[in-house]
Every structure is written in C-alpha cells, then in structure tokens.
C-alpha atoms as a PDB file:
ATOM      1  CA  MET A   1     -14.903   4.252 -15.481  1.00  0.00           C
ATOM      2  CA  PRO A   2     -12.772   4.443 -12.237  1.00  0.00           C
ATOM      3  CA  PRO A   3     -12.626   7.302 -10.273  1.00  0.00           C
ATOM      4  CA  ALA A   4     -11.251  10.598 -11.205  1.00  0.00           C
ATOM      5  CA  ASP A   5      -8.108  10.503  -9.271  1.00  0.00           C
ATOM      6  CA  ALA A   6      -4.800   9.605 -10.829  1.00  0.00           C
ATOM      7  CA  SER A   7      -4.010   7.794  -8.050  1.00  0.00           C
ATOM      8  CA  THR A   8      -7.122   5.623  -7.982  1.00  0.00           C
ATOM      9  CA  ASP A   9      -6.862   4.028 -11.401  1.00  0.00           C
ATOM     10  CA  ALA A  10      -6.672   0.256 -10.902  1.00  0.00           C
ATOM     11  CA  GLY A  11      -5.575  -0.149 -14.256  1.00  0.00           C
ATOM     12  CA  THR A  12      -3.153   2.518 -15.008  1.00  0.00           C
ATOM     13  CA  ASN A  13      -0.976  -0.206 -17.111  1.00  0.00           C
ATOM     14  CA  PRO A  14      -3.118  -3.279 -17.794  1.00  0.00           C
ATOM     15  CA  ALA A  15      -1.226  -6.307 -18.366  1.00  0.00           C
ATOM     16  CA  PRO A  16      -1.185  -8.689 -21.419  1.00  0.00           C
ATOM     17  CA  ARG A  17      -3.944 -11.274 -20.417  1.00  0.00           C
ATOM     18  CA  ALA A  18      -4.030 -14.676 -21.075  1.00  0.00           C
ATOM     19  CA  GLY A  19      -6.408 -15.653 -23.920  1.00  0.00           C
ATOM     20  CA  SER A  20      -6.348 -12.249 -25.408  1.00  0.00           C
ATOM     21  CA  SER A  21      -5.548 -10.923 -28.799  1.00  0.00           C
ATOM     22  CA  THR A  22      -2.076  -9.540 -26.816  1.00  0.00           C
ATOM     23  CA  GLU A  23       0.707 -12.221 -26.748  1.00  0.00           C
ATOM     24  CA  ASP A  24       1.693 -13.005 -23.146  1.00  0.00           C
ATOM     25  CA  THR A  25       4.880 -11.126 -22.213  1.00  0.00           C
ATOM     26  CA  LEU A  26       6.160 -14.729 -21.947  1.00  0.00           C
ATOM     27  CA  ASP A  27       5.705 -15.538 -25.507  1.00  0.00           C
ATOM     28  CA  LEU A  28       8.072 -13.523 -27.032  1.00  0.00           C
ATOM     29  CA  ARG A  29      11.046 -15.607 -26.816  1.00  0.00           C
ATOM     30  CA  LEU A  30      14.943 -14.580 -26.843  1.00  0.00           C
ATOM     31  CA  THR A  31      16.530 -14.649 -30.019  1.00  0.00           C
ATOM     32  CA  ASP A  32      20.307 -15.576 -30.394  1.00  0.00           C
ATOM     33  CA  GLU A  33      21.213 -12.150 -31.369  1.00  0.00           C
ATOM     34  CA  LEU A  34      19.110 -10.794 -28.393  1.00  0.00           C
ATOM     35  CA  ILE A  35      20.520 -13.123 -26.171  1.00  0.00           C
ATOM     36  CA  ALA A  36      24.053 -11.700 -27.594  1.00  0.00           C
ATOM     37  CA  LEU A  37      22.953  -7.855 -27.135  1.00  0.00           C
ATOM     38  CA  PHE A  38      21.574  -8.204 -23.342  1.00  0.00           C
ATOM     39  CA  GLY A  39      25.457  -9.427 -22.326  1.00  0.00           C
ATOM     40  CA  ASP A  40      24.751  -9.950 -18.605  1.00  0.00           C
ATOM     41  CA  ASP A  41      21.403 -11.454 -18.678  1.00  0.00           C
ATOM     42  CA  ALA A  42      21.943 -13.869 -21.520  1.00  0.00           C
ATOM     43  CA  PRO A  43      20.648 -16.574 -19.287  1.00  0.00           C
ATOM     44  CA  VAL A  44      17.237 -17.287 -20.283  1.00  0.00           C
ATOM     45  CA  THR A  45      16.074 -19.936 -17.547  1.00  0.00           C
ATOM     46  CA  VAL A  46      16.056 -17.898 -14.048  1.00  0.00           C
ATOM     47  CA  PRO A  47      15.749 -19.873 -10.567  1.00  0.00           C
ATOM     48  CA  GLY A  48      13.294 -18.678  -8.272  1.00  0.00           C
ATOM     49  CA  PRO A  49       9.576 -18.076  -8.511  1.00  0.00           C
ATOM     50  CA  VAL A  50       9.997 -14.589  -9.360  1.00  0.00           C
ATOM     51  CA  GLY A  51      12.701 -12.107 -10.854  1.00  0.00           C
ATOM     52  CA  GLY A  52      15.965 -13.575 -11.351  1.00  0.00           C
ATOM     53  CA  GLY A  53      18.295 -12.534 -13.871  1.00  0.00           C
ATOM     54  CA  LEU A  54      16.686 -10.659 -16.350  1.00  0.00           C
ATOM     55  CA  LEU A  55      15.373  -8.383 -13.614  1.00  0.00           C
ATOM     56  CA  ASP A  56      17.684  -8.057 -10.706  1.00  0.00           C
ATOM     57  CA  THR A  57      15.747  -9.987  -8.258  1.00  0.00           C
ATOM     58  CA  PRO A  58      13.184  -7.559  -6.782  1.00  0.00           C
ATOM     59  CA  ALA A  59      12.555 -10.190  -3.653  1.00  0.00           C
ATOM     60  CA  ASP A  60      15.597  -8.673  -2.697  1.00  0.00           C
ATOM     61  CA  TRP A  61      15.099  -5.044  -3.386  1.00  0.00           C
ATOM     62  CA  GLY A  62      14.365  -4.228   0.237  1.00  0.00           C
ATOM     63  CA  ALA A  63      11.749  -1.585   1.500  1.00  0.00           C
ATOM     64  CA  VAL A  64      12.272   2.257   0.852  1.00  0.00           C
ATOM     65  CA  THR A  65      10.867   5.025   2.981  1.00  0.00           C
ATOM     66  CA  THR A  66       8.137   7.320   0.997  1.00  0.00           C
ATOM     67  CA  SER A  67       5.756  10.364   2.664  1.00  0.00           C
ATOM     68  CA  ALA A  68       3.170   7.734   2.876  1.00  0.00           C
ATOM     69  CA  GLY A  69       5.382   5.144   4.748  1.00  0.00           C
ATOM     70  CA  VAL A  70       7.423   1.899   4.873  1.00  0.00           C
ATOM     71  CA  PHE A  71       6.740   0.484   1.380  1.00  0.00           C
ATOM     72  CA  GLN A  72       8.119  -2.763  -0.403  1.00  0.00           C
ATOM     73  CA  LEU A  73       7.463  -5.294  -3.284  1.00  0.00           C
ATOM     74  CA  VAL A  74       6.724  -8.393  -2.008  1.00  0.00           C
ATOM     75  CA  PRO A  75       6.672 -11.449  -4.438  1.00  0.00           C
ATOM     76  CA  VAL A  76       3.441 -12.986  -5.080  1.00  0.00           C
ATOM     77  CA  ARG A  77       2.729 -16.218  -3.507  1.00  0.00           C
ATOM     78  CA  ILE A  78      -0.534 -18.073  -4.863  1.00  0.00           C
ATOM     79  CA  GLU A  79      -1.440 -20.047  -2.133  1.00  0.00           C
ATOM     80  CA  ARG A  80      -1.016 -17.107   0.397  1.00  0.00           C
ATOM     81  CA  ASP A  81      -2.382 -13.995  -2.459  1.00  0.00           C
ATOM     82  CA  LEU A  82      -4.597 -15.386  -4.503  1.00  0.00           C
ATOM     83  CA  PRO A  83      -7.577 -14.559  -2.657  1.00  0.00           C
ATOM     84  CA  LEU A  84      -6.712 -11.028  -1.835  1.00  0.00           C
ATOM     85  CA  ILE A  85      -5.556 -10.411  -5.689  1.00  0.00           C
ATOM     86  CA  SER A  86      -8.656 -11.843  -7.204  1.00  0.00           C
ATOM     87  CA  ARG A  87     -11.048  -9.499  -4.878  1.00  0.00           C
ATOM     88  CA  TRP A  88      -9.002  -6.815  -6.124  1.00  0.00           C
ATOM     89  CA  MET A  89      -9.372  -7.904  -9.907  1.00  0.00           C
ATOM     90  CA  ASN A  90     -13.270  -8.310  -9.222  1.00  0.00           C
ATOM     91  CA  ASP A  91     -13.741  -4.420  -8.253  1.00  0.00           C
ATOM     92  CA  PRO A  92     -15.509  -2.921 -11.439  1.00  0.00           C
ATOM     93  CA  ALA A  93     -13.189  -0.279 -11.362  1.00  0.00           C
ATOM     94  CA  VAL A  94     -10.132  -2.499 -11.820  1.00  0.00           C
ATOM     95  CA  ALA A  95     -12.307  -5.131 -13.865  1.00  0.00           C
ATOM     96  CA  ALA A  96     -12.260  -2.253 -16.715  1.00  0.00           C
ATOM     97  CA  PHE A  97      -8.942  -2.299 -17.206  1.00  0.00           C
ATOM     98  CA  TRP A  98      -7.759  -5.861 -16.117  1.00  0.00           C
ATOM     99  CA  GLU A  99     -10.243  -7.793 -17.780  1.00  0.00           C
ATOM    100  CA  LEU A 100      -9.471 -10.568 -15.367  1.00  0.00           C
ATOM    101  CA  SER A 101     -12.714 -10.481 -13.114  1.00  0.00           C
ATOM    102  CA  GLY A 102     -14.429 -13.798 -12.256  1.00  0.00           C
ATOM    103  CA  PRO A 103     -13.555 -16.777 -10.240  1.00  0.00           C
ATOM    104  CA  PRO A 104     -10.197 -17.023  -8.461  1.00  0.00           C
ATOM    105  CA  ASP A 105      -8.949 -19.461 -11.333  1.00  0.00           C
ATOM    106  CA  VAL A 106      -8.812 -16.459 -13.632  1.00  0.00           C
ATOM    107  CA  THR A 107      -6.277 -14.363 -11.737  1.00  0.00           C
ATOM    108  CA  ALA A 108      -4.592 -17.534 -10.650  1.00  0.00           C
ATOM    109  CA  ALA A 109      -3.897 -18.457 -14.889  1.00  0.00           C
ATOM    110  CA  HIS A 110      -2.394 -14.954 -15.318  1.00  0.00           C
ATOM    111  CA  LEU A 111      -0.233 -15.293 -12.144  1.00  0.00           C
ATOM    112  CA  ARG A 112       0.949 -18.246 -13.258  1.00  0.00           C
ATOM    113  CA  THR A 113       1.865 -17.424 -16.268  1.00  0.00           C
ATOM    114  CA  GLN A 114       4.699 -15.064 -14.970  1.00  0.00           C
ATOM    115  CA  LEU A 115       5.478 -17.414 -11.825  1.00  0.00           C
ATOM    116  CA  ASP A 116       6.529 -20.415 -14.192  1.00  0.00           C
ATOM    117  CA  GLY A 117       8.425 -18.388 -17.030  1.00  0.00           C
ATOM    118  CA  ASP A 118      11.644 -17.336 -17.077  1.00  0.00           C
ATOM    119  CA  GLY A 119      11.996 -14.401 -14.671  1.00  0.00           C
ATOM    120  CA  ARG A 120      11.430 -11.540 -17.611  1.00  0.00           C
ATOM    121  CA  SER A 121       7.987 -10.604 -15.565  1.00  0.00           C
ATOM    122  CA  ALA A 122       7.588 -10.322 -11.658  1.00  0.00           C
ATOM    123  CA  PRO A 123       4.305 -10.291  -9.845  1.00  0.00           C
ATOM    124  CA  CYS A 124       4.339  -8.579  -6.574  1.00  0.00           C
ATOM    125  CA  LEU A 125       2.103  -7.215  -3.722  1.00  0.00           C
ATOM    126  CA  GLY A 126       2.812  -3.659  -2.705  1.00  0.00           C
ATOM    127  CA  VAL A 127       2.916  -3.593   1.138  1.00  0.00           C
ATOM    128  CA  LEU A 128       2.528  -0.593   2.862  1.00  0.00           C
ATOM    129  CA  GLY A 129       3.492   0.156   6.506  1.00  0.00           C
ATOM    130  CA  GLY A 130       2.953  -3.895   6.733  1.00  0.00           C
ATOM    131  CA  VAL A 131      -0.341  -3.944   4.796  1.00  0.00           C
ATOM    132  CA  PRO A 132      -1.125  -5.409   1.345  1.00  0.00           C
ATOM    133  CA  MET A 133      -2.442  -2.495  -0.478  1.00  0.00           C
ATOM    134  CA  SER A 134      -1.483  -2.756  -4.150  1.00  0.00           C
ATOM    135  CA  TYR A 135      -0.658  -5.243  -7.001  1.00  0.00           C
ATOM    136  CA  TRP A 136       2.575  -4.431  -9.543  1.00  0.00           C
ATOM    137  CA  GLU A 137       3.994  -6.308 -12.240  1.00  0.00           C
ATOM    138  CA  ILE A 138       7.511  -5.628 -12.824  1.00  0.00           C
ATOM    139  CA  TYR A 139       8.416  -6.387 -16.434  1.00  0.00           C
ATOM    140  CA  ARG A 140      11.189  -6.530 -18.832  1.00  0.00           C
ATOM    141  CA  ALA A 141       9.856  -4.146 -21.421  1.00  0.00           C
ATOM    142  CA  ASP A 142      12.239  -4.832 -24.008  1.00  0.00           C
ATOM    143  CA  LEU A 143      11.621  -8.531 -24.050  1.00  0.00           C
ATOM    144  CA  ASP A 144       7.773  -8.042 -24.121  1.00  0.00           C
ATOM    145  CA  PRO A 145       5.173  -7.963 -26.984  1.00  0.00           C
ATOM    146  CA  LEU A 146       5.002  -3.820 -26.314  1.00  0.00           C
ATOM    147  CA  ALA A 147       8.637  -3.651 -27.610  1.00  0.00           C
ATOM    148  CA  ARG A 148       7.258  -4.185 -31.174  1.00  0.00           C
ATOM    149  CA  HIS A 149       5.070  -1.181 -30.727  1.00  0.00           C
ATOM    150  CA  TYR A 150       8.089   1.513 -29.796  1.00  0.00           C
ATOM    151  CA  PRO A 151      11.655   1.969 -30.049  1.00  0.00           C
ATOM    152  CA  ALA A 152      12.811  -0.382 -26.873  1.00  0.00           C
ATOM    153  CA  ARG A 153      16.464  -0.106 -25.813  1.00  0.00           C
ATOM    154  CA  PRO A 154      17.710  -3.140 -24.253  1.00  0.00           C
ATOM    155  CA  HIS A 155      17.032  -3.094 -20.118  1.00  0.00           C
ATOM    156  CA  ASP A 156      13.662  -0.999 -20.615  1.00  0.00           C
ATOM    157  CA  THR A 157      11.835  -2.131 -17.416  1.00  0.00           C
ATOM    158  CA  GLY A 158       7.947  -1.691 -17.798  1.00  0.00           C
ATOM    159  CA  ILE A 159       5.372  -1.710 -14.243  1.00  0.00           C
ATOM    160  CA  HIS A 160       1.525  -2.171 -14.205  1.00  0.00           C
ATOM    161  CA  LEU A 161      -0.008  -0.864 -11.181  1.00  0.00           C
ATOM    162  CA  LEU A 162      -3.034  -1.782  -9.377  1.00  0.00           C
ATOM    163  CA  VAL A 163      -3.988  -0.441  -6.203  1.00  0.00           C
ATOM    164  CA  GLY A 164      -6.539  -2.785  -4.772  1.00  0.00           C
ATOM    165  CA  GLY A 165      -7.801  -0.759  -1.615  1.00  0.00           C
ATOM    166  CA  VAL A 166     -11.141   2.082  -2.344  1.00  0.00           C
ATOM    167  CA  ALA A 167      -9.210   3.812   0.821  1.00  0.00           C
ATOM    168  CA  ASP A 168      -6.240   4.064  -0.768  1.00  0.00           C
ATOM    169  CA  ARG A 169      -7.753   6.024  -4.306  1.00  0.00           C
ATOM    170  CA  GLY A 170      -8.462   9.194  -4.903  1.00  0.00           C
ATOM    171  CA  ARG A 171      -5.854  11.024  -2.625  1.00  0.00           C
ATOM    172  CA  GLY A 172      -2.696  10.941  -4.659  1.00  0.00           C
ATOM    173  CA  LEU A 173      -1.186   7.685  -3.030  1.00  0.00           C
ATOM    174  CA  GLY A 174      -0.502   6.126  -6.535  1.00  0.00           C
ATOM    175  CA  THR A 175       1.744   9.060  -7.732  1.00  0.00           C
ATOM    176  CA  THR A 176       3.822   8.755  -4.412  1.00  0.00           C
ATOM    177  CA  LEU A 177       4.220   5.013  -5.155  1.00  0.00           C
ATOM    178  CA  LEU A 178       4.776   5.179  -8.839  1.00  0.00           C
ATOM    179  CA  ARG A 179       7.813   7.453  -7.833  1.00  0.00           C
ATOM    180  CA  ALA A 180       9.325   5.367  -5.259  1.00  0.00           C
ATOM    181  CA  VAL A 181       9.296   2.132  -7.514  1.00  0.00           C
ATOM    182  CA  ALA A 182      10.252   3.908 -10.731  1.00  0.00           C
ATOM    183  CA  ASP A 183      13.252   4.923  -8.525  1.00  0.00           C
ATOM    184  CA  LEU A 184      13.779   1.581  -7.251  1.00  0.00           C
ATOM    185  CA  VAL A 185      13.983  -0.309 -10.495  1.00  0.00           C
ATOM    186  CA  LEU A 186      16.564   2.477 -11.421  1.00  0.00           C
ATOM    187  CA  LYS A 187      18.651   1.832  -7.850  1.00  0.00           C
ATOM    188  CA  LYS A 188      18.639  -1.667  -8.240  1.00  0.00           C
ATOM    189  CA  ARG A 189      18.953  -2.413 -12.052  1.00  0.00           C
ATOM    190  CA  PRO A 190      21.708  -0.538 -13.269  1.00  0.00           C
ATOM    191  CA  ALA A 191      21.481  -1.563 -16.478  1.00  0.00           C
ATOM    192  CA  CYS A 192      18.247   0.038 -16.719  1.00  0.00           C
ATOM    193  CA  ALA A 193      18.024   3.534 -18.465  1.00  0.00           C
ATOM    194  CA  ARG A 194      14.163   3.885 -18.570  1.00  0.00           C
ATOM    195  CA  VAL A 195      11.240   2.926 -16.899  1.00  0.00           C
ATOM    196  CA  VAL A 196       8.427   2.560 -19.516  1.00  0.00           C
ATOM    197  CA  ALA A 197       4.377   2.424 -18.858  1.00  0.00           C
ATOM    198  CA  GLU A 198       1.429   2.614 -21.355  1.00  0.00           C
ATOM    199  CA  PRO A 199      -1.834   3.683 -19.817  1.00  0.00           C
ATOM    200  CA  ASP A 200      -4.608   4.269 -21.549  1.00  0.00           C
ATOM    201  CA  LEU A 201      -4.351   7.602 -23.927  1.00  0.00           C
ATOM    202  CA  ARG A 202      -8.214   8.432 -22.614  1.00  0.00           C
ATOM    203  CA  ASN A 203      -7.272   7.971 -18.915  1.00  0.00           C
ATOM    204  CA  THR A 204      -6.358  11.501 -18.173  1.00  0.00           C
ATOM    205  CA  PRO A 205      -6.084  10.849 -14.481  1.00  0.00           C
ATOM    206  CA  SER A 206      -3.507   8.082 -15.165  1.00  0.00           C
ATOM    207  CA  VAL A 207      -1.198  10.182 -17.333  1.00  0.00           C
ATOM    208  CA  SER A 208      -1.359  12.609 -14.973  1.00  0.00           C
ATOM    209  CA  ALA A 209      -0.270  10.378 -11.913  1.00  0.00           C
ATOM    210  CA  PHE A 210       2.655   9.103 -14.135  1.00  0.00           C
ATOM    211  CA  LEU A 211       3.797  12.858 -15.113  1.00  0.00           C
ATOM    212  CA  ALA A 212       3.462  13.712 -11.662  1.00  0.00           C
ATOM    213  CA  ALA A 213       5.670  10.825 -10.535  1.00  0.00           C
ATOM    214  CA  GLY A 214       8.344  11.997 -13.176  1.00  0.00           C
ATOM    215  CA  PHE A 215       7.435  10.250 -16.191  1.00  0.00           C
ATOM    216  CA  ARG A 216       7.275  12.190 -19.290  1.00  0.00           C
ATOM    217  CA  PHE A 217       4.825  11.544 -22.238  1.00  0.00           C
ATOM    218  CA  SER A 218       7.208  10.122 -24.874  1.00  0.00           C
ATOM    219  CA  ALA A 219       4.197   8.739 -27.750  1.00  0.00           C
ATOM    220  CA  GLU A 220       1.028   7.421 -28.469  1.00  0.00           C
ATOM    221  CA  LEU A 221       1.112   3.612 -29.358  1.00  0.00           C
ATOM    222  CA  ASP A 222      -1.857   1.940 -31.306  1.00  0.00           C
ATOM    223  CA  LEU A 223      -1.711  -1.410 -29.258  1.00  0.00           C
ATOM    224  CA  PRO A 224      -3.713  -4.266 -29.996  1.00  0.00           C
ATOM    225  CA  ASP A 225      -6.356  -3.558 -27.343  1.00  0.00           C
ATOM    226  CA  LYS A 226      -6.022   0.181 -26.920  1.00  0.00           C
ATOM    227  CA  ARG A 227      -4.362   3.646 -27.764  1.00  0.00           C
ATOM    228  CA  ALA A 228      -1.786   4.202 -25.126  1.00  0.00           C
ATOM    229  CA  ALA A 229       0.539   7.179 -23.663  1.00  0.00           C
ATOM    230  CA  LEU A 230       3.645   5.884 -23.733  1.00  0.00           C
ATOM    231  CA  MET A 231       5.425   7.196 -20.185  1.00  0.00           C
ATOM    232  CA  VAL A 232       9.030   7.395 -19.815  1.00  0.00           C
ATOM    233  CA  ARG A 233      11.050   7.978 -16.519  1.00  0.00           C
ATOM    234  CA  ASP A 234      14.469   8.373 -17.725  1.00  0.00           C
ATOM    235  CA  ARG A 235      17.750   7.458 -15.563  1.00  0.00           C
ATOM    236  CA  ALA A 236      19.152  10.759 -16.660  1.00  0.00           C
ATOM    237  CA  LEU A 237      16.565  12.758 -15.805  1.00  0.00           C
ATOM    238  CA  ARG A 238      14.988  11.203 -12.653  1.00  0.00           C
ATOM    239  CA  ASN A 239      16.742  13.923  -9.995  1.00  0.00           C
ATOM    240  CA  LEU A 240      15.099  16.782 -12.222  1.00  0.00           C
ATOM    241  CA  LEU A 241      11.613  15.839 -13.083  1.00  0.00           C
END
C-alpha cells in the first residue's frame, strides 16, 4: 500500500490500462445521439496532440497560483517526458494502483493511446514552481467507460493524479493540487458542471484528500477492477466546500 497521507496516493485515480478488462477511454465511441446531445463538442476528430474541442484545450489553460507555488498543466510529449513518467510508474507505491510498471514501452503505449485519440483524454505533467512533479489525466468522464457505472451528465470531467516524487508526498500537496486543478477545469470548461474521480474505496487517505479538496462523496461504484468511491466537485458548491 502507498504511504498513509492522502496526498501521497500515487494511484488516487488509476486510469484504464491497455490490455486490461477495462476498455480504454478512447474505445467508447460516440453515437449520433451523443454527438447531438453534446452540441458544440460534436466534432469527434480534434486537431493537436492533446485536448481540443472535447476538453477545451488544456494546453491553453495557463498557470494558477496555489499555496504551494505556481502550478501548470503541461501536455505530455513522449520524446521529452517518457523517461520521467516511466520512472514514476515503476515506483512500487505507484505501480500498486496504475499497474504500468515495466519497460518504458509499457508507459509509452498508455500515453500514445490518449495522444493519438480524438482528444477526450489529455495526459499532462503537473509543473510546480517550474519543476515537473506529478502526472495528470484530464478526461471526458461522460465519454469514458466510467459513465456506464454512474449517472453521468454531459461534459462531466474526470481527473487522474500521480504525485511522482517521494519528497512531494505526505505533506498535503495532493489536496492542494486537486483543488487547484478541479477549479481550473470548472473555470476553463464552462459547459462542465462537475469534476469527478473514482479512488479505490479502501484507500481512506485518498478519499480524505478529495474531501479536503472540496469534493463530496457521491456513491460507491463496482468497477471492473475495484470498488470505488465516486467523488464529485460541483460547480454550484465550489465556493462553499
């Protein structure tokens, strides 16, 4: 198990894994009905390596000031970032949740699935004070297999988080960044009314981190690889929690 502090949970929201029993985010295809429902997000093919129409281009969201310093989501570039992300994935505390340990090709395949897709999932580095220290996936939860397990609403946006360095764990940093990124999503995605996450229900520190970051516990979910806590940060409540 990872260290006890909530912010150290490198696998707070493990993403669907290639080759696992859970379909990849990019395998859930849009129907004509869904395209009509999502209105302005109707184009399925989005130019650019990350984000675009389905996610309102996380690459352009810019930096935010947090109590821990200036933080920014920077789109992943495999040729630049693979060694770092692969090293994080091979940390036992991370591998226990993400199950992407092994040679760099394992992580590369996971990243390419998103980067070569239609923009509904955006892998990013979290850069704090100019230093890459975390890995994030911002994704359209309503277009993800997760939507089969809860009453999804159009434009629900999900987040996965991995805090990479041991020195950045165990001091509440994860909570600070979870709040910052959730608020950034709500600011930059005006059609999104909720940010969601699905930490393992058994991981009490992770659930506590989301609660401290302004999320509320919504439900228990039986997912293919775990029993999860559905955590929700509502636009309507973000100034109260």
